[in-house]
Structure formats: C-alpha cells, structure tokens
Amino acid sequence: MAGFDLDTQRSYTLPGGGRGESGYFDISARSRSIEVPTRLINCYSGTAVAKTNSTTHSLAATTDCAITAGAITFWRHGQYAQEDVRYYYEVKGW
C-alpha cells in the first residue's frame, strides 16, 4: 500500500483489556484519505497528528473507527491539506 509501511506499525495491549495500534502513514497532496491496515476487529478511538516543520500548520486526520476489509480510513483536514505530509496515528479497540 502506498504511503504505509507495515514494518512501522506497532501493536500493544491496553491496561484493563483491549489493544492498540500505532505507526505512521504518508498522504500525498493529491489524496484526501488513506486506508490503514489493522488487526483490530472493533475500534473505539482513533487519532492522527501531522509531523510538520512549521508551528503555523493546522493539520489533523480523523476516522470514524469503522473497519472495512481489515482497514481503517483516515481523512485529512486543515488549512494546509494540499501538501504532502506524514501523520502519526493511534487507534484503540479489541
């Protein structure tokens, strides 16, 4: 999958039960969304924050936590959404 490196994805156990996954993905200026592979079967929380070199950038990516065909879709938003950018993400579920 372009923009996603499975080797950088990390999975962990949450205290009290559940699982989490984190890593990063790249979105090109031409894309508004990306599907990130997951091993979760249910998701209750998901966030992504952009890595930028400027403090003036307002970039976020959101998800509705719906898992379709083993992937969670993230949509990007923000003032500079037309740039190539790397997002660091985290999802929680089980």
PDB file of N, CA and C in Angstrom:
ATOM      1  N   MET A   1       0.846  -1.177   0.000  1.00  0.00           N
ATOM      2  CA  MET A   1       0.000   0.000   0.000  1.00  0.00           C
ATOM      3  C   MET A   1       0.889   1.238   0.000  1.00  0.00           C
ATOM      4  N   ALA A   2       0.664   2.125  -0.908  1.00  0.00           N
ATOM      5  CA  ALA A   2       1.449   3.354  -0.992  1.00  0.00           C
ATOM      6  C   ALA A   2       1.206   4.218   0.227  1.00  0.00           C
ATOM      7  N   GLY A   3       2.263   4.766   0.759  1.00  0.00           N
ATOM      8  CA  GLY A   3       2.132   5.687   1.881  1.00  0.00           C
ATOM      9  C   GLY A   3       2.056   5.017   3.230  1.00  0.00           C
ATOM     10  N   PHE A   4       2.118   3.685   3.284  1.00  0.00           N
ATOM     11  CA  PHE A   4       2.002   2.979   4.546  1.00  0.00           C
ATOM     12  C   PHE A   4       3.045   1.884   4.605  1.00  0.00           C
ATOM     13  N   ASP A   5       3.773   1.802   5.717  1.00  0.00           N
ATOM     14  CA  ASP A   5       4.808   0.806   5.897  1.00  0.00           C
ATOM     15  C   ASP A   5       4.410  -0.086   7.064  1.00  0.00           C
ATOM     16  N   LEU A   6       4.030  -1.328   6.779  1.00  0.00           N
ATOM     17  CA  LEU A   6       3.577  -2.240   7.814  1.00  0.00           C
ATOM     18  C   LEU A   6       4.652  -2.491   8.864  1.00  0.00           C
ATOM     19  N   ASP A   7       5.926  -2.380   8.494  1.00  0.00           N
ATOM     20  CA  ASP A   7       7.010  -2.601   9.441  1.00  0.00           C
ATOM     21  C   ASP A   7       7.070  -1.530  10.523  1.00  0.00           C
ATOM     22  N   THR A   8       6.461  -0.379  10.305  1.00  0.00           N
ATOM     23  CA  THR A   8       6.493   0.689  11.313  1.00  0.00           C
ATOM     24  C   THR A   8       5.277   0.654  12.234  1.00  0.00           C
ATOM     25  N   GLN A   9       4.321  -0.227  11.960  1.00  0.00           N
ATOM     26  CA  GLN A   9       3.121  -0.315  12.788  1.00  0.00           C
ATOM     27  C   GLN A   9       3.439  -1.101  14.053  1.00  0.00           C
ATOM     28  N   ARG A  10       2.925  -0.625  15.185  1.00  0.00           N
ATOM     29  CA  ARG A  10       3.142  -1.284  16.465  1.00  0.00           C
ATOM     30  C   ARG A  10       1.798  -1.645  17.082  1.00  0.00           C
ATOM     31  N   SER A  11       1.747  -2.799  17.727  1.00  0.00           N
ATOM     32  CA  SER A  11       0.553  -3.257  18.403  1.00  0.00           C
ATOM     33  C   SER A  11       0.896  -3.456  19.869  1.00  0.00           C
ATOM     34  N   TYR A  12      -0.048  -3.148  20.747  1.00  0.00           N
ATOM     35  CA  TYR A  12       0.203  -3.277  22.177  1.00  0.00           C
ATOM     36  C   TYR A  12      -1.093  -3.582  22.913  1.00  0.00           C
ATOM     37  N   THR A  13      -0.952  -4.080  24.142  1.00  0.00           N
ATOM     38  CA  THR A  13      -2.093  -4.394  24.989  1.00  0.00           C
ATOM     39  C   THR A  13      -2.368  -3.221  25.909  1.00  0.00           C
ATOM     40  N   LEU A  14      -3.629  -2.863  26.042  1.00  0.00           N
ATOM     41  CA  LEU A  14      -4.030  -1.771  26.915  1.00  0.00           C
ATOM     42  C   LEU A  14      -4.299  -2.296  28.321  1.00  0.00           C
ATOM     43  N   PRO A  15      -3.970  -1.522  29.353  1.00  0.00           N
ATOM     44  CA  PRO A  15      -4.284  -1.935  30.729  1.00  0.00           C
ATOM     45  C   PRO A  15      -5.798  -2.137  30.883  1.00  0.00           C
ATOM     46  N   GLY A  16      -6.203  -3.211  31.501  1.00  0.00           N
ATOM     47  CA  GLY A  16      -7.619  -3.475  31.698  1.00  0.00           C
ATOM     48  C   GLY A  16      -8.268  -4.176  30.523  1.00  0.00           C
ATOM     49  N   GLY A  17      -7.518  -4.446  29.477  1.00  0.00           N
ATOM     50  CA  GLY A  17      -8.054  -5.141  28.305  1.00  0.00           C
ATOM     51  C   GLY A  17      -8.066  -4.258  27.082  1.00  0.00           C
ATOM     52  N   GLY A  18      -8.178  -4.882  25.965  1.00  0.00           N
ATOM     53  CA  GLY A  18      -8.175  -4.148  24.701  1.00  0.00           C
ATOM     54  C   GLY A  18      -6.796  -4.123  24.084  1.00  0.00           C
ATOM     55  N   ARG A  19      -6.744  -3.584  22.874  1.00  0.00           N
ATOM     56  CA  ARG A  19      -5.494  -3.492  22.135  1.00  0.00           C
ATOM     57  C   ARG A  19      -5.377  -2.119  21.508  1.00  0.00           C
ATOM     58  N   GLY A  20      -4.170  -1.758  21.197  1.00  0.00           N
ATOM     59  CA  GLY A  20      -3.909  -0.525  20.484  1.00  0.00           C
ATOM     60  C   GLY A  20      -2.924  -0.759  19.360  1.00  0.00           C
ATOM     61  N   GLU A  21      -2.975   0.108  18.373  1.00  0.00           N
ATOM     62  CA  GLU A  21      -2.026   0.069  17.269  1.00  0.00           C
ATOM     63  C   GLU A  21      -1.600   1.493  16.974  1.00  0.00           C
ATOM     64  N   SER A  22      -0.360   1.643  16.576  1.00  0.00           N
ATOM     65  CA  SER A  22       0.138   2.973  16.228  1.00  0.00           C
ATOM     66  C   SER A  22       1.206   2.828  15.157  1.00  0.00           C
ATOM     67  N   GLY A  23       1.527   3.956  14.551  1.00  0.00           N
ATOM     68  CA  GLY A  23       2.530   3.983  13.494  1.00  0.00           C
ATOM     69  C   GLY A  23       2.421   5.282  12.734  1.00  0.00           C
ATOM     70  N   TYR A  24       2.802   5.260  11.479  1.00  0.00           N
ATOM     71  CA  TYR A  24       2.672   6.467  10.664  1.00  0.00           C
ATOM     72  C   TYR A  24       2.303   6.115   9.241  1.00  0.00           C
ATOM     73  N   PHE A  25       1.743   7.100   8.557  1.00  0.00           N
ATOM     74  CA  PHE A  25       1.419   6.967   7.150  1.00  0.00           C
ATOM     75  C   PHE A  25       1.650   8.304   6.472  1.00  0.00           C
ATOM     76  N   ASP A  26       1.920   8.265   5.177  1.00  0.00           N
ATOM     77  CA  ASP A  26       2.138   9.467   4.379  1.00  0.00           C
ATOM     78  C   ASP A  26       0.946   9.678   3.456  1.00  0.00           C
ATOM     79  N   ILE A  27       0.501  10.925   3.349  1.00  0.00           N
ATOM     80  CA  ILE A  27      -0.556  11.278   2.405  1.00  0.00           C
ATOM     81  C   ILE A  27       0.013  12.304   1.438  1.00  0.00           C
ATOM     82  N   SER A  28      -0.160  12.026   0.141  1.00  0.00           N
ATOM     83  CA  SER A  28       0.325  12.965  -0.868  1.00  0.00           C
ATOM     84  C   SER A  28      -0.664  14.105  -1.039  1.00  0.00           C
ATOM     85  N   ALA A  29      -0.226  15.160  -1.688  1.00  0.00           N
ATOM     86  CA  ALA A  29      -1.066  16.344  -1.909  1.00  0.00           C
ATOM     87  C   ALA A  29      -2.308  16.008  -2.720  1.00  0.00           C
ATOM     88  N   ARG A  30      -2.283  14.954  -3.488  1.00  0.00           N
ATOM     89  CA  ARG A  30      -3.428  14.586  -4.324  1.00  0.00           C
ATOM     90  C   ARG A  30      -4.482  13.788  -3.564  1.00  0.00           C
ATOM     91  N   SER A  31      -4.169  13.294  -2.370  1.00  0.00           N
ATOM     92  CA  SER A  31      -5.073  12.411  -1.640  1.00  0.00           C
ATOM     93  C   SER A  31      -5.753  13.117  -0.468  1.00  0.00           C
ATOM     94  N   ARG A  32      -6.987  12.769  -0.225  1.00  0.00           N
ATOM     95  CA  ARG A  32      -7.732  13.288   0.921  1.00  0.00           C
ATOM     96  C   ARG A  32      -7.910  12.239   2.003  1.00  0.00           C
ATOM     97  N   SER A  33      -7.677  10.963   1.665  1.00  0.00           N
ATOM     98  CA  SER A  33      -7.853   9.899   2.654  1.00  0.00           C
ATOM     99  C   SER A  33      -6.874   8.771   2.382  1.00  0.00           C
ATOM    100  N   ILE A  34      -6.743   7.898   3.389  1.00  0.00           N
ATOM    101  CA  ILE A  34      -5.898   6.714   3.257  1.00  0.00           C
ATOM    102  C   ILE A  34      -6.499   5.612   4.102  1.00  0.00           C
ATOM    103  N   GLU A  35      -6.377   4.383   3.636  1.00  0.00           N
ATOM    104  CA  GLU A  35      -6.837   3.233   4.401  1.00  0.00           C
ATOM    105  C   GLU A  35      -5.628   2.578   5.041  1.00  0.00           C
ATOM    106  N   VAL A  36      -5.680   2.461   6.367  1.00  0.00           N
ATOM    107  CA  VAL A  36      -4.576   1.911   7.139  1.00  0.00           C
ATOM    108  C   VAL A  36      -4.943   0.494   7.579  1.00  0.00           C
ATOM    109  N   PRO A  37      -4.150  -0.512   7.206  1.00  0.00           N
ATOM    110  CA  PRO A  37      -4.441  -1.886   7.619  1.00  0.00           C
ATOM    111  C   PRO A  37      -4.434  -2.020   9.148  1.00  0.00           C
ATOM    112  N   THR A  38      -5.296  -2.886   9.656  1.00  0.00           N
ATOM    113  CA  THR A  38      -5.372  -3.114  11.093  1.00  0.00           C
ATOM    114  C   THR A  38      -5.685  -4.575  11.382  1.00  0.00           C
ATOM    115  N   ARG A  39      -5.296  -5.024  12.562  1.00  0.00           N
ATOM    116  CA  ARG A  39      -5.664  -6.357  13.032  1.00  0.00           C
ATOM    117  C   ARG A  39      -6.834  -6.283  14.003  1.00  0.00           C
ATOM    118  N   LEU A  40      -7.266  -5.082  14.344  1.00  0.00           N
ATOM    119  CA  LEU A  40      -8.402  -4.915  15.245  1.00  0.00           C
ATOM    120  C   LEU A  40      -9.678  -5.378  14.554  1.00  0.00           C
ATOM    121  N   ILE A  41     -10.624  -5.868  15.353  1.00  0.00           N
ATOM    122  CA  ILE A  41     -11.939  -6.203  14.798  1.00  0.00           C
ATOM    123  C   ILE A  41     -12.974  -5.160  15.199  1.00  0.00           C
ATOM    124  N   ASN A  42     -12.706  -4.404  16.260  1.00  0.00           N
ATOM    125  CA  ASN A  42     -13.545  -3.282  16.690  1.00  0.00           C
ATOM    126  C   ASN A  42     -12.642  -2.129  17.084  1.00  0.00           C
ATOM    127  N   CYS A  43     -13.073  -0.922  16.827  1.00  0.00           N
ATOM    128  CA  CYS A  43     -12.287   0.273  17.152  1.00  0.00           C
ATOM    129  C   CYS A  43     -13.188   1.264  17.877  1.00  0.00           C
ATOM    130  N   TYR A  44     -12.679   1.865  18.957  1.00  0.00           N
ATOM    131  CA  TYR A  44     -13.454   2.881  19.659  1.00  0.00           C
ATOM    132  C   TYR A  44     -12.765   4.234  19.707  1.00  0.00           C
ATOM    133  N   SER A  45     -11.511   4.317  19.300  1.00  0.00           N
ATOM    134  CA  SER A  45     -10.807   5.588  19.321  1.00  0.00           C
ATOM    135  C   SER A  45      -9.718   5.589  18.263  1.00  0.00           C
ATOM    136  N   GLY A  46      -9.586   6.712  17.566  1.00  0.00           N
ATOM    137  CA  GLY A  46      -8.538   6.829  16.570  1.00  0.00           C
ATOM    138  C   GLY A  46      -8.162   8.280  16.347  1.00  0.00           C
ATOM    139  N   THR A  47      -6.871   8.582  16.376  1.00  0.00           N
ATOM    140  CA  THR A  47      -6.390   9.944  16.145  1.00  0.00           C
ATOM    141  C   THR A  47      -5.140   9.895  15.278  1.00  0.00           C
ATOM    142  N   ALA A  48      -4.884  10.999  14.609  1.00  0.00           N
ATOM    143  CA  ALA A  48      -3.662  11.141  13.818  1.00  0.00           C
ATOM    144  C   ALA A  48      -3.219  12.592  13.873  1.00  0.00           C
ATOM    145  N   VAL A  49      -1.925  12.797  14.052  1.00  0.00           N
ATOM    146  CA  VAL A  49      -1.342  14.132  14.143  1.00  0.00           C
ATOM    147  C   VAL A  49      -0.255  14.251  13.091  1.00  0.00           C
ATOM    148  N   ALA A  50      -0.216  15.379  12.413  1.00  0.00           N
ATOM    149  CA  ALA A  50       0.760  15.581  11.343  1.00  0.00           C
ATOM    150  C   ALA A  50       2.113  15.995  11.897  1.00  0.00           C
ATOM    151  N   LYS A  51       3.155  15.524  11.231  1.00  0.00           N
ATOM    152  CA  LYS A  51       4.510  15.968  11.539  1.00  0.00           C
ATOM    153  C   LYS A  51       4.834  17.086  10.569  1.00  0.00           C
ATOM    154  N   THR A  52       5.035  18.294  11.079  1.00  0.00           N
ATOM    155  CA  THR A  52       5.368  19.429  10.220  1.00  0.00           C
ATOM    156  C   THR A  52       6.572  20.153  10.798  1.00  0.00           C
ATOM    157  N   ASN A  53       7.210  20.950   9.962  1.00  0.00           N
ATOM    158  CA  ASN A  53       8.346  21.750  10.397  1.00  0.00           C
ATOM    159  C   ASN A  53       7.927  23.156  10.789  1.00  0.00           C
ATOM    160  N   SER A  54       6.645  23.435  10.709  1.00  0.00           N
ATOM    161  CA  SER A  54       6.145  24.774  10.979  1.00  0.00           C
ATOM    162  C   SER A  54       5.115  24.728  12.094  1.00  0.00           C
ATOM    163  N   THR A  55       5.121  25.715  12.954  1.00  0.00           N
ATOM    164  CA  THR A  55       4.124  25.777  14.026  1.00  0.00           C
ATOM    165  C   THR A  55       2.831  26.409  13.543  1.00  0.00           C
ATOM    166  N   THR A  56       2.799  26.898  12.302  1.00  0.00           N
ATOM    167  CA  THR A  56       1.590  27.536  11.789  1.00  0.00           C
ATOM    168  C   THR A  56       0.653  26.553  11.111  1.00  0.00           C
ATOM    169  N   HIS A  57       1.098  25.334  10.872  1.00  0.00           N
ATOM    170  CA  HIS A  57       0.254  24.351  10.208  1.00  0.00           C
ATOM    171  C   HIS A  57      -0.816  23.825  11.152  1.00  0.00           C
ATOM    172  N   SER A  58      -2.007  23.692  10.627  1.00  0.00           N
ATOM    173  CA  SER A  58      -3.118  23.117  11.371  1.00  0.00           C
ATOM    174  C   SER A  58      -3.587  21.897  10.599  1.00  0.00           C
ATOM    175  N   LEU A  59      -3.020  20.745  10.920  1.00  0.00           N
ATOM    176  CA  LEU A  59      -3.338  19.527  10.186  1.00  0.00           C
ATOM    177  C   LEU A  59      -3.824  18.451  11.141  1.00  0.00           C
ATOM    178  N   ALA A  60      -4.905  17.824  10.796  1.00  0.00           N
ATOM    179  CA  ALA A  60      -5.435  16.714  11.568  1.00  0.00           C
ATOM    180  C   ALA A  60      -5.976  15.683  10.606  1.00  0.00           C
ATOM    181  N   ALA A  61      -6.036  14.464  11.064  1.00  0.00           N
ATOM    182  CA  ALA A  61      -6.698  13.402  10.307  1.00  0.00           C
ATOM    183  C   ALA A  61      -7.653  12.727  11.276  1.00  0.00           C
ATOM    184  N   THR A  62      -8.832  12.429  10.813  1.00  0.00           N
ATOM    185  CA  THR A  62      -9.838  11.821  11.668  1.00  0.00           C
ATOM    186  C   THR A  62     -10.322  10.509  11.068  1.00  0.00           C
ATOM    187  N   THR A  63     -10.925   9.703  11.919  1.00  0.00           N
ATOM    188  CA  THR A  63     -11.512   8.443  11.485  1.00  0.00           C
ATOM    189  C   THR A  63     -12.818   8.232  12.228  1.00  0.00           C
ATOM    190  N   ASP A  64     -13.725   7.518  11.609  1.00  0.00           N
ATOM    191  CA  ASP A  64     -14.972   7.162  12.290  1.00  0.00           C
ATOM    192  C   ASP A  64     -14.854   5.788  12.945  1.00  0.00           C
ATOM    193  N   CYS A  65     -13.668   5.213  12.925  1.00  0.00           N
ATOM    194  CA  CYS A  65     -13.341   3.915  13.539  1.00  0.00           C
ATOM    195  C   CYS A  65     -14.038   2.731  12.882  1.00  0.00           C
ATOM    196  N   ALA A  66     -14.650   2.926  11.737  1.00  0.00           N
ATOM    197  CA  ALA A  66     -15.261   1.805  11.027  1.00  0.00           C
ATOM    198  C   ALA A  66     -14.163   0.981  10.359  1.00  0.00           C
ATOM    199  N   ILE A  67     -14.190  -0.308  10.596  1.00  0.00           N
ATOM    200  CA  ILE A  67     -13.200  -1.205   9.993  1.00  0.00           C
ATOM    201  C   ILE A  67     -13.861  -1.923   8.825  1.00  0.00           C
ATOM    202  N   THR A  68     -13.292  -1.736   7.639  1.00  0.00           N
ATOM    203  CA  THR A  68     -13.818  -2.343   6.425  1.00  0.00           C
ATOM    204  C   THR A  68     -12.696  -3.117   5.746  1.00  0.00           C
ATOM    205  N   ALA A  69     -12.913  -4.384   5.547  1.00  0.00           N
ATOM    206  CA  ALA A  69     -11.934  -5.250   4.872  1.00  0.00           C
ATOM    207  C   ALA A  69     -10.555  -5.156   5.516  1.00  0.00           C
ATOM    208  N   GLY A  70     -10.502  -5.110   6.848  1.00  0.00           N
ATOM    209  CA  GLY A  70      -9.242  -5.086   7.565  1.00  0.00           C
ATOM    210  C   GLY A  70      -8.494  -3.774   7.515  1.00  0.00           C
ATOM    211  N   ALA A  71      -9.206  -2.660   7.290  1.00  0.00           N
ATOM    212  CA  ALA A  71      -8.557  -1.348   7.214  1.00  0.00           C
ATOM    213  C   ALA A  71      -9.438  -0.270   7.851  1.00  0.00           C
ATOM    214  N   ILE A  72      -8.791   0.732   8.405  1.00  0.00           N
ATOM    215  CA  ILE A  72      -9.461   1.902   8.967  1.00  0.00           C
ATOM    216  C   ILE A  72      -9.127   3.089   8.074  1.00  0.00           C
ATOM    217  N   THR A  73     -10.134   3.854   7.677  1.00  0.00           N
ATOM    218  CA  THR A  73      -9.920   5.007   6.806  1.00  0.00           C
ATOM    219  C   THR A  73      -9.702   6.260   7.630  1.00  0.00           C
ATOM    220  N   PHE A  74      -8.647   7.010   7.305  1.00  0.00           N
ATOM    221  CA  PHE A  74      -8.379   8.322   7.888  1.00  0.00           C
ATOM    222  C   PHE A  74      -8.583   9.376   6.806  1.00  0.00           C
ATOM    223  N   TRP A  75      -9.281  10.470   7.148  1.00  0.00           N
ATOM    224  CA  TRP A  75      -9.471  11.613   6.256  1.00  0.00           C
ATOM    225  C   TRP A  75      -8.695  12.776   6.805  1.00  0.00           C
ATOM    226  N   ARG A  76      -8.020  13.515   5.942  1.00  0.00           N
ATOM    227  CA  ARG A  76      -7.238  14.645   6.439  1.00  0.00           C
ATOM    228  C   ARG A  76      -7.995  15.951   6.282  1.00  0.00           C
ATOM    229  N   HIS A  77      -7.713  16.861   7.188  1.00  0.00           N
ATOM    230  CA  HIS A  77      -8.372  18.159   7.244  1.00  0.00           C
ATOM    231  C   HIS A  77      -7.311  19.211   7.566  1.00  0.00           C
ATOM    232  N   GLY A  78      -7.667  20.441   7.407  1.00  0.00           N
ATOM    233  CA  GLY A  78      -6.772  21.502   7.848  1.00  0.00           C
ATOM    234  C   GLY A  78      -6.456  22.520   6.783  1.00  0.00           C
ATOM    235  N   GLN A  79      -5.857  23.556   7.241  1.00  0.00           N
ATOM    236  CA  GLN A  79      -5.529  24.700   6.402  1.00  0.00           C
ATOM    237  C   GLN A  79      -4.538  24.339   5.301  1.00  0.00           C
ATOM    238  N   TYR A  80      -3.636  23.404   5.575  1.00  0.00           N
ATOM    239  CA  TYR A  80      -2.596  23.035   4.607  1.00  0.00           C
ATOM    240  C   TYR A  80      -2.804  21.613   4.103  1.00  0.00           C
ATOM    241  N   ALA A  81      -4.035  21.228   3.879  1.00  0.00           N
ATOM    242  CA  ALA A  81      -4.347  19.859   3.483  1.00  0.00           C
ATOM    243  C   ALA A  81      -3.919  19.536   2.052  1.00  0.00           C
ATOM    244  N   GLN A  82      -3.400  20.486   1.314  1.00  0.00           N
ATOM    245  CA  GLN A  82      -2.968  20.234  -0.059  1.00  0.00           C
ATOM    246  C   GLN A  82      -1.474  19.918  -0.148  1.00  0.00           C
ATOM    247  N   GLU A  83      -0.823  19.651   0.969  1.00  0.00           N
ATOM    248  CA  GLU A  83       0.608  19.346   0.978  1.00  0.00           C
ATOM    249  C   GLU A  83       0.854  17.871   1.254  1.00  0.00           C
ATOM    250  N   ASP A  84       2.024  17.368   0.810  1.00  0.00           N
ATOM    251  CA  ASP A  84       2.468  16.041   1.208  1.00  0.00           C
ATOM    252  C   ASP A  84       2.796  16.104   2.694  1.00  0.00           C
ATOM    253  N   VAL A  85       2.334  15.136   3.447  1.00  0.00           N
ATOM    254  CA  VAL A  85       2.597  15.182   4.880  1.00  0.00           C
ATOM    255  C   VAL A  85       2.596  13.775   5.473  1.00  0.00           C
ATOM    256  N   ARG A  86       3.322  13.611   6.562  1.00  0.00           N
ATOM    257  CA  ARG A  86       3.359  12.362   7.313  1.00  0.00           C
ATOM    258  C   ARG A  86       2.520  12.533   8.573  1.00  0.00           C
ATOM    259  N   TYR A  87       1.665  11.553   8.840  1.00  0.00           N
ATOM    260  CA  TYR A  87       0.830  11.543  10.041  1.00  0.00           C
ATOM    261  C   TYR A  87       1.249  10.401  10.956  1.00  0.00           C
ATOM    262  N   TYR A  88       1.296  10.677  12.247  1.00  0.00           N
ATOM    263  CA  TYR A  88       1.492   9.651  13.254  1.00  0.00           C
ATOM    264  C   TYR A  88       0.121   9.344  13.832  1.00  0.00           C
ATOM    265  N   TYR A  89      -0.246   8.071  13.885  1.00  0.00           N
ATOM    266  CA  TYR A  89      -1.599   7.719  14.285  1.00  0.00           C
ATOM    267  C   TYR A  89      -1.614   6.724  15.434  1.00  0.00           C
ATOM    268  N   GLU A  90      -2.771   6.637  16.088  1.00  0.00           N
ATOM    269  CA  GLU A  90      -3.006   5.650  17.128  1.00  0.00           C
ATOM    270  C   GLU A  90      -4.487   5.281  17.098  1.00  0.00           C
ATOM    271  N   VAL A  91      -4.778   3.996  17.158  1.00  0.00           N
ATOM    272  CA  VAL A  91      -6.155   3.502  17.248  1.00  0.00           C
ATOM    273  C   VAL A  91      -6.239   2.527  18.422  1.00  0.00           C
ATOM    274  N   LYS A  92      -7.417   2.497  19.046  1.00  0.00           N
ATOM    275  CA  LYS A  92      -7.640   1.606  20.187  1.00  0.00           C
ATOM    276  C   LYS A  92      -8.924   0.825  19.956  1.00  0.00           C
ATOM    277  N   GLY A  93      -8.924  -0.394  20.422  1.00  0.00           N
ATOM    278  CA  GLY A  93     -10.089  -1.268  20.271  1.00  0.00           C
ATOM    279  C   GLY A  93      -9.794  -2.639  20.828  1.00  0.00           C
ATOM    280  N   TRP A  94     -10.302  -3.653  20.143  1.00  0.00           N
ATOM    281  CA  TRP A  94     -10.039  -5.030  20.542  1.00  0.00           C
ATOM    282  C   TRP A  94     -10.152  -5.947  19.354  1.00  0.00           C
TER     283      TRP A  94
END
